[in-house]
Amino acid sequence: MEYTKTDFENMGKCVKRELELRKRVYPKWVAAKRMSQQKADYEIREMEKICNYFDYMYIYSEPEQKKLF
């Protein structure tokens, strides 16, 4: 399956929403001892890497061509 520039943009937005959710929720989980600070930091760091990947793919992907017919 090939992905378009729009696909990378949409996937990036989705991952960013998830990252923001984790940044809001994880501190509460750490305080409630549901998650260690080390695990929370790791998960956020990995999600930030995924965000960076989709940003990169969006920037360097080929522009979409308009269909003429």
Protein backbone atom coordinates (compact mmCIF):
# COMPACT_ATOMS: atom_id res chain seq x y z
CA MET A 1 0.00 0.00 0.00
CA GLU A 2 1.28 3.41 -0.89
CA TYR A 3 0.59 6.39 1.30
CA THR A 4 -0.07 9.91 0.08
CA LYS A 5 1.05 13.21 1.54
CA THR A 6 -2.47 13.60 2.96
CA ASP A 7 -2.23 10.16 4.59
CA PHE A 8 0.99 11.17 6.36
CA GLU A 9 -0.59 14.44 7.45
CA ASN A 10 -3.66 12.65 8.87
CA MET A 11 -1.61 9.94 10.60
CA GLY A 12 0.64 12.61 12.10
CA LYS A 13 -2.37 14.50 13.48
CA CYS A 14 -3.73 11.29 14.98
CA VAL A 15 -0.44 10.46 16.68
CA LYS A 16 -0.13 14.03 18.00
CA ARG A 17 -3.59 13.78 19.57
CA GLU A 18 -2.56 10.52 21.23
CA LEU A 19 0.67 12.08 22.48
CA GLU A 20 -1.19 15.04 24.00
CA LEU A 21 -3.61 12.64 25.67
CA ARG A 22 -0.75 10.65 27.19
CA LYS A 23 0.92 13.84 28.41
CA ARG A 24 -2.30 14.71 30.27
CA VAL A 25 -3.09 11.23 31.60
CA TYR A 26 0.28 9.73 32.50
CA PRO A 27 1.09 12.17 35.33
CA LYS A 28 -2.18 11.15 37.00
CA TRP A 29 -1.35 7.48 36.51
CA VAL A 30 2.12 7.97 37.97
CA ALA A 31 0.64 9.76 40.99
CA ALA A 32 -1.87 6.92 41.44
CA LYS A 33 0.97 4.33 41.12
CA ARG A 34 -0.68 2.80 38.04
CA MET A 35 2.49 3.48 36.03
CA SER A 36 6.09 4.19 36.92
CA GLN A 37 7.64 7.52 35.98
CA GLN A 38 10.26 5.62 34.01
CA LYS A 39 7.60 3.83 31.93
CA ALA A 40 5.66 7.08 31.37
CA ASP A 41 8.80 8.88 30.21
CA TYR A 42 9.67 5.99 27.88
CA GLU A 43 6.19 5.84 26.33
CA ILE A 44 6.06 9.60 25.74
CA ARG A 45 9.56 9.61 24.26
CA GLU A 46 8.66 6.81 21.85
CA MET A 47 5.43 8.53 20.81
CA GLU A 48 7.41 11.72 20.15
CA LYS A 49 9.67 9.70 17.83
CA ILE A 50 6.61 8.48 15.94
CA CYS A 51 5.35 12.07 15.63
CA ASN A 52 8.72 13.13 14.25
CA TYR A 53 8.64 10.26 11.77
CA PHE A 54 5.26 11.28 10.36
CA ASP A 55 6.33 14.93 10.21
CA TYR A 56 9.41 13.85 8.26
CA MET A 57 7.38 11.64 5.92
CA TYR A 58 4.90 14.45 5.30
CA ILE A 59 7.63 16.97 4.51
CA TYR A 60 9.58 14.69 2.20
CA SER A 61 6.76 12.78 0.52
CA GLU A 62 5.88 13.51 -3.07
CA PRO A 63 3.10 16.04 -3.63
CA GLU A 64 -0.17 14.49 -4.67
CA GLN A 65 -1.09 14.82 -8.29
CA LYS A 66 -4.57 15.96 -9.13
CA LYS A 67 -6.59 13.54 -11.23
CA LEU A 68 -7.45 15.09 -14.56
CA PHE A 69 -10.30 12.77 -15.43
